[in-house]
């Protein structure tokens, strides 16, 4: 079972359970930072897949001429 962050790392105020942001100072909790890192990785992988597909289709189109 994962531990829930109880206090803000920046200001030390109490957090509501499963909070993503501190209500007092507005900083992200460890859980929110982790979720953002995962989202950025997924977006980067998707972007690289689209770029690779465009390059592959361009190469196939030019090779057929």
PDB file of N, CA and C in Angstrom:
ATOM      1  N   UNK A   1       0.843  -1.178   0.000  1.00  0.00           N
ATOM      2  CA  UNK A   1       0.000   0.000   0.000  1.00  0.00           C
ATOM      3  C   UNK A   1       0.890   1.244   0.000  1.00  0.00           C
ATOM      4  N   UNK A   2       0.586   2.175  -0.856  1.00  0.00           N
ATOM      5  CA  UNK A   2       1.378   3.396  -0.966  1.00  0.00           C
ATOM      6  C   UNK A   2       1.024   4.373   0.143  1.00  0.00           C
ATOM      7  N   UNK A   3       2.035   5.090   0.598  1.00  0.00           N
ATOM      8  CA  UNK A   3       1.796   6.089   1.626  1.00  0.00           C
ATOM      9  C   UNK A   3       1.260   7.359   0.995  1.00  0.00           C
ATOM     10  N   UNK A   4       0.357   8.014   1.706  1.00  0.00           N
ATOM     11  CA  UNK A   4      -0.229   9.261   1.244  1.00  0.00           C
ATOM     12  C   UNK A   4       0.555  10.407   1.872  1.00  0.00           C
ATOM     13  N   UNK A   5       0.924  11.382   1.065  1.00  0.00           N
ATOM     14  CA  UNK A   5       1.654  12.537   1.578  1.00  0.00           C
ATOM     15  C   UNK A   5       0.726  13.359   2.453  1.00  0.00           C
ATOM     16  N   UNK A   6       1.139  13.608   3.695  1.00  0.00           N
ATOM     17  CA  UNK A   6       0.268  14.280   4.667  1.00  0.00           C
ATOM     18  C   UNK A   6       0.536  15.775   4.769  1.00  0.00           C
ATOM     19  N   UNK A   7       1.787  16.190   4.527  1.00  0.00           N
ATOM     20  CA  UNK A   7       2.137  17.610   4.645  1.00  0.00           C
ATOM     21  C   UNK A   7       2.854  18.061   3.375  1.00  0.00           C
ATOM     22  N   UNK A   8       2.755  19.338   3.101  1.00  0.00           N
ATOM     23  CA  UNK A   8       3.397  19.935   1.929  1.00  0.00           C
ATOM     24  C   UNK A   8       4.908  19.998   2.154  1.00  0.00           C
ATOM     25  N   UNK A   9       5.684  19.675   1.117  1.00  0.00           N
ATOM     26  CA  UNK A   9       7.135  19.746   1.217  1.00  0.00           C
ATOM     27  C   UNK A   9       7.625  21.190   1.272  1.00  0.00           C
ATOM     28  N   UNK A  10       6.893  22.113   0.662  1.00  0.00           N
ATOM     29  CA  UNK A  10       7.337  23.507   0.596  1.00  0.00           C
ATOM     30  C   UNK A  10       6.990  24.303   1.848  1.00  0.00           C
ATOM     31  N   UNK A  11       5.708  24.262   2.240  1.00  0.00           N
ATOM     32  CA  UNK A  11       5.278  25.130   3.349  1.00  0.00           C
ATOM     33  C   UNK A  11       4.976  24.372   4.639  1.00  0.00           C
ATOM     34  N   UNK A  12       4.840  23.063   4.566  1.00  0.00           N
ATOM     35  CA  UNK A  12       4.600  22.271   5.763  1.00  0.00           C
ATOM     36  C   UNK A  12       3.159  22.203   6.228  1.00  0.00           C
ATOM     37  N   UNK A  13       2.225  22.763   5.473  1.00  0.00           N
ATOM     38  CA  UNK A  13       0.821  22.706   5.900  1.00  0.00           C
ATOM     39  C   UNK A  13       0.229  21.336   5.591  1.00  0.00           C
ATOM     40  N   UNK A  14      -0.839  20.993   6.279  1.00  0.00           N
ATOM     41  CA  UNK A  14      -1.498  19.699   6.100  1.00  0.00           C
ATOM     42  C   UNK A  14      -2.185  19.645   4.746  1.00  0.00           C
ATOM     43  N   UNK A  15      -2.149  18.468   4.138  1.00  0.00           N
ATOM     44  CA  UNK A  15      -2.793  18.256   2.837  1.00  0.00           C
ATOM     45  C   UNK A  15      -4.017  17.367   3.005  1.00  0.00           C
ATOM     46  N   UNK A  16      -5.004  17.571   2.139  1.00  0.00           N
ATOM     47  CA  UNK A  16      -6.138  16.651   2.103  1.00  0.00           C
ATOM     48  C   UNK A  16      -5.652  15.343   1.485  1.00  0.00           C
ATOM     49  N   UNK A  17      -6.278  14.209   1.799  1.00  0.00           N
ATOM     50  CA  UNK A  17      -5.838  12.936   1.221  1.00  0.00           C
ATOM     51  C   UNK A  17      -5.894  12.956  -0.305  1.00  0.00           C
ATOM     52  N   UNK A  18      -4.865  12.411  -0.926  1.00  0.00           N
ATOM     53  CA  UNK A  18      -4.729  12.308  -2.386  1.00  0.00           C
ATOM     54  C   UNK A  18      -4.716  13.661  -3.081  1.00  0.00           C
ATOM     55  N   UNK A  19      -4.225  14.677  -2.417  1.00  0.00           N
ATOM     56  CA  UNK A  19      -4.150  16.009  -3.019  1.00  0.00           C
ATOM     57  C   UNK A  19      -3.040  16.031  -4.072  1.00  0.00           C
ATOM     58  N   UNK A  20      -3.268  16.800  -5.134  1.00  0.00           N
ATOM     59  CA  UNK A  20      -2.247  16.991  -6.152  1.00  0.00           C
ATOM     60  C   UNK A  20      -1.505  18.300  -5.949  1.00  0.00           C
ATOM     61  N   UNK A  21      -2.167  19.262  -5.320  1.00  0.00           N
ATOM     62  CA  UNK A  21      -1.572  20.572  -5.070  1.00  0.00           C
ATOM     63  C   UNK A  21      -1.857  20.986  -3.632  1.00  0.00           C
ATOM     64  N   UNK A  22      -0.963  21.773  -3.077  1.00  0.00           N
ATOM     65  CA  UNK A  22      -1.159  22.313  -1.741  1.00  0.00           C
ATOM     66  C   UNK A  22      -2.169  23.457  -1.823  1.00  0.00           C
ATOM     67  N   UNK A  23      -3.138  23.447  -0.928  1.00  0.00           N
ATOM     68  CA  UNK A  23      -4.149  24.504  -0.934  1.00  0.00           C
ATOM     69  C   UNK A  23      -3.586  25.831  -0.449  1.00  0.00           C
ATOM     70  N   UNK A  24      -2.545  25.779   0.356  1.00  0.00           N
ATOM     71  CA  UNK A  24      -1.987  27.000   0.932  1.00  0.00           C
ATOM     72  C   UNK A  24      -1.001  27.690  -0.009  1.00  0.00           C
ATOM     73  N   UNK A  25       0.008  26.955  -0.517  1.00  0.00           N
ATOM     74  CA  UNK A  25       1.049  27.600  -1.334  1.00  0.00           C
ATOM     75  C   UNK A  25       0.935  27.273  -2.823  1.00  0.00           C
ATOM     76  N   UNK A  26       0.169  26.258  -3.192  1.00  0.00           N
ATOM     77  CA  UNK A  26      -0.046  25.932  -4.597  1.00  0.00           C
ATOM     78  C   UNK A  26       1.012  25.048  -5.220  1.00  0.00           C
ATOM     79  N   UNK A  27       1.968  24.561  -4.437  1.00  0.00           N
ATOM     80  CA  UNK A  27       3.003  23.703  -5.020  1.00  0.00           C
ATOM     81  C   UNK A  27       2.459  22.290  -5.223  1.00  0.00           C
ATOM     82  N   UNK A  28       3.052  21.587  -6.185  1.00  0.00           N
ATOM     83  CA  UNK A  28       2.614  20.230  -6.479  1.00  0.00           C
ATOM     84  C   UNK A  28       3.125  19.256  -5.427  1.00  0.00           C
ATOM     85  N   UNK A  29       2.341  18.230  -5.171  1.00  0.00           N
ATOM     86  CA  UNK A  29       2.764  17.178  -4.255  1.00  0.00           C
ATOM     87  C   UNK A  29       3.645  16.192  -5.012  1.00  0.00           C
ATOM     88  N   UNK A  30       4.260  15.279  -4.278  1.00  0.00           N
ATOM     89  CA  UNK A  30       5.117  14.274  -4.925  1.00  0.00           C
ATOM     90  C   UNK A  30       4.319  13.430  -5.916  1.00  0.00           C
ATOM     91  N   UNK A  31       3.083  13.127  -5.579  1.00  0.00           N
ATOM     92  CA  UNK A  31       2.235  12.336  -6.471  1.00  0.00           C
ATOM     93  C   UNK A  31       1.974  13.082  -7.774  1.00  0.00           C
ATOM     94  N   UNK A  32       1.700  14.373  -7.680  1.00  0.00           N
ATOM     95  CA  UNK A  32       1.428  15.170  -8.877  1.00  0.00           C
ATOM     96  C   UNK A  32       2.680  15.280  -9.739  1.00  0.00           C
ATOM     97  N   UNK A  33       3.842  15.471  -9.122  1.00  0.00           N
ATOM     98  CA  UNK A  33       5.085  15.550  -9.897  1.00  0.00           C
ATOM     99  C   UNK A  33       5.354  14.240 -10.616  1.00  0.00           C
ATOM    100  N   UNK A  34       5.083  13.125  -9.952  1.00  0.00           N
ATOM    101  CA  UNK A  34       5.289  11.815 -10.568  1.00  0.00           C
ATOM    102  C   UNK A  34       4.338  11.618 -11.745  1.00  0.00           C
ATOM    103  N   UNK A  35       3.078  12.031 -11.585  1.00  0.00           N
ATOM    104  CA  UNK A  35       2.104  11.887 -12.672  1.00  0.00           C
ATOM    105  C   UNK A  35       2.478  12.762 -13.869  1.00  0.00           C
ATOM    106  N   UNK A  36       3.001  13.959 -13.614  1.00  0.00           N
ATOM    107  CA  UNK A  36       3.417  14.850 -14.699  1.00  0.00           C
ATOM    108  C   UNK A  36       4.594  14.240 -15.450  1.00  0.00           C
ATOM    109  N   UNK A  37       5.549  13.650 -14.720  1.00  0.00           N
ATOM    110  CA  UNK A  37       6.696  13.009 -15.388  1.00  0.00           C
ATOM    111  C   UNK A  37       6.239  11.884 -16.292  1.00  0.00           C
ATOM    112  N   UNK A  38       5.290  11.083 -15.831  1.00  0.00           N
ATOM    113  CA  UNK A  38       4.773   9.983 -16.652  1.00  0.00           C
ATOM    114  C   UNK A  38       4.074  10.537 -17.890  1.00  0.00           C
ATOM    115  N   UNK A  39       3.275  11.584 -17.719  1.00  0.00           N
ATOM    116  CA  UNK A  39       2.549  12.170 -18.853  1.00  0.00           C
ATOM    117  C   UNK A  39       3.521  12.733 -19.880  1.00  0.00           C
ATOM    118  N   UNK A  40       4.590  13.356 -19.436  1.00  0.00           N
ATOM    119  CA  UNK A  40       5.572  13.916 -20.366  1.00  0.00           C
ATOM    120  C   UNK A  40       6.255  12.794 -21.138  1.00  0.00           C
ATOM    121  N   UNK A  41       6.575  11.697 -20.469  1.00  0.00           N
ATOM    122  CA  UNK A  41       7.192  10.555 -21.167  1.00  0.00           C
ATOM    123  C   UNK A  41       6.258   9.976 -22.217  1.00  0.00           C
ATOM    124  N   UNK A  42       4.980   9.834 -21.883  1.00  0.00           N
ATOM    125  CA  UNK A  42       4.013   9.293 -22.842  1.00  0.00           C
ATOM    126  C   UNK A  42       3.890  10.224 -24.043  1.00  0.00           C
ATOM    127  N   UNK A  43       3.814  11.533 -23.801  1.00  0.00           N
ATOM    128  CA  UNK A  43       3.721  12.491 -24.902  1.00  0.00           C
ATOM    129  C   UNK A  43       4.967  12.448 -25.773  1.00  0.00           C
ATOM    130  N   UNK A  44       6.135  12.317 -25.164  1.00  0.00           N
ATOM    131  CA  UNK A  44       7.378  12.261 -25.924  1.00  0.00           C
ATOM    132  C   UNK A  44       7.445  11.014 -26.795  1.00  0.00           C
ATOM    133  N   UNK A  45       7.043   9.870 -26.249  1.00  0.00           N
ATOM    134  CA  UNK A  45       7.027   8.634 -27.032  1.00  0.00           C
ATOM    135  C   UNK A  45       6.046   8.753 -28.197  1.00  0.00           C
ATOM    136  N   UNK A  46       4.872   9.303 -27.947  1.00  0.00           N
ATOM    137  CA  UNK A  46       3.884   9.480 -29.014  1.00  0.00           C
ATOM    138  C   UNK A  46       4.412  10.419 -30.091  1.00  0.00           C
ATOM    139  N   UNK A  47       5.023  11.539 -29.683  1.00  0.00           N
ATOM    140  CA  UNK A  47       5.566  12.496 -30.642  1.00  0.00           C
ATOM    141  C   UNK A  47       6.661  11.855 -31.493  1.00  0.00           C
ATOM    142  N   UNK A  48       7.555  11.095 -30.862  1.00  0.00           N
ATOM    143  CA  UNK A  48       8.624  10.438 -31.617  1.00  0.00           C
ATOM    144  C   UNK A  48       8.065   9.388 -32.576  1.00  0.00           C
ATOM    145  N   UNK A  49       7.002   8.714 -32.176  1.00  0.00           N
ATOM    146  CA  UNK A  49       6.373   7.736 -33.071  1.00  0.00           C
ATOM    147  C   UNK A  49       5.770   8.427 -34.286  1.00  0.00           C
ATOM    148  N   UNK A  50       5.130   9.574 -34.093  1.00  0.00           N
ATOM    149  CA  UNK A  50       4.557  10.319 -35.214  1.00  0.00           C
ATOM    150  C   UNK A  50       5.662  10.826 -36.136  1.00  0.00           C
ATOM    151  N   UNK A  51       6.742  11.348 -35.565  1.00  0.00           N
ATOM    152  CA  UNK A  51       7.867  11.830 -36.381  1.00  0.00           C
ATOM    153  C   UNK A  51       8.474  10.679 -37.179  1.00  0.00           C
ATOM    154  N   UNK A  52       8.662   9.538 -36.540  1.00  0.00           N
ATOM    155  CA  UNK A  52       9.210   8.376 -37.247  1.00  0.00           C
ATOM    156  C   UNK A  52       8.288   7.929 -38.372  1.00  0.00           C
ATOM    157  N   UNK A  53       6.989   7.977 -38.148  1.00  0.00           N
ATOM    158  CA  UNK A  53       6.043   7.576 -39.182  1.00  0.00           C
ATOM    159  C   UNK A  53       6.074   8.547 -40.363  1.00  0.00           C
ATOM    160  N   UNK A  54       6.160   9.840 -40.089  1.00  0.00           N
ATOM    161  CA  UNK A  54       6.237  10.832 -41.166  1.00  0.00           C
ATOM    162  C   UNK A  54       7.518  10.636 -41.965  1.00  0.00           C
ATOM    163  N   UNK A  55       8.632  10.405 -41.273  1.00  0.00           N
ATOM    164  CA  UNK A  55       9.900  10.173 -41.976  1.00  0.00           C
ATOM    165  C   UNK A  55       9.818   8.910 -42.822  1.00  0.00           C
ATOM    166  N   UNK A  56       9.214   7.849 -42.281  1.00  0.00           N
ATOM    167  CA  UNK A  56       9.083   6.603 -43.034  1.00  0.00           C
ATOM    168  C   UNK A  56       8.210   6.783 -44.268  1.00  0.00           C
ATOM    169  N   UNK A  57       7.089   7.466 -44.148  1.00  0.00           N
ATOM    170  CA  UNK A  57       6.235   7.690 -45.310  1.00  0.00           C
ATOM    171  C   UNK A  57       6.922   8.577 -46.335  1.00  0.00           C
ATOM    172  N   UNK A  58       7.674   9.558 -45.890  1.00  0.00           N
ATOM    173  CA  UNK A  58       8.412  10.424 -46.812  1.00  0.00           C
ATOM    174  C   UNK A  58       9.463   9.623 -47.551  1.00  0.00           C
ATOM    175  N   UNK A  59      10.174   8.772 -46.832  1.00  0.00           N
ATOM    176  CA  UNK A  59      11.196   7.954 -47.469  1.00  0.00           C
ATOM    177  C   UNK A  59      10.567   6.987 -48.475  1.00  0.00           C
ATOM    178  N   UNK A  60       9.457   6.364 -48.128  1.00  0.00           N
ATOM    179  CA  UNK A  60       8.768   5.451 -49.056  1.00  0.00           C
ATOM    180  C   UNK A  60       8.283   6.214 -50.295  1.00  0.00           C
ATOM    181  N   UNK A  61       7.739   7.404 -50.106  1.00  0.00           N
ATOM    182  CA  UNK A  61       7.244   8.202 -51.236  1.00  0.00           C
ATOM    183  C   UNK A  61       8.387   8.572 -52.167  1.00  0.00           C
ATOM    184  N   UNK A  62       9.504   9.009 -51.626  1.00  0.00           N
ATOM    185  CA  UNK A  62      10.627   9.413 -52.484  1.00  0.00           C
ATOM    186  C   UNK A  62      11.302   8.209 -53.118  1.00  0.00           C
ATOM    187  N   UNK A  63      11.288   7.064 -52.484  1.00  0.00           N
ATOM    188  CA  UNK A  63      11.924   5.845 -53.048  1.00  0.00           C
ATOM    189  C   UNK A  63      11.109   5.295 -54.208  1.00  0.00           C
ATOM    190  N   UNK A  64       9.824   5.596 -54.290  1.00  0.00           N
ATOM    191  CA  UNK A  64       8.983   5.073 -55.366  1.00  0.00           C
ATOM    192  C   UNK A  64       9.131   5.851 -56.658  1.00  0.00           C
ATOM    193  N   UNK A  65       9.733   7.013 -56.623  1.00  0.00           N
ATOM    194  CA  UNK A  65       9.858   7.806 -57.850  1.00  0.00           C
ATOM    195  C   UNK A  65      10.891   7.263 -58.773  1.00  0.00           C
TER     196      UNK A  65
END
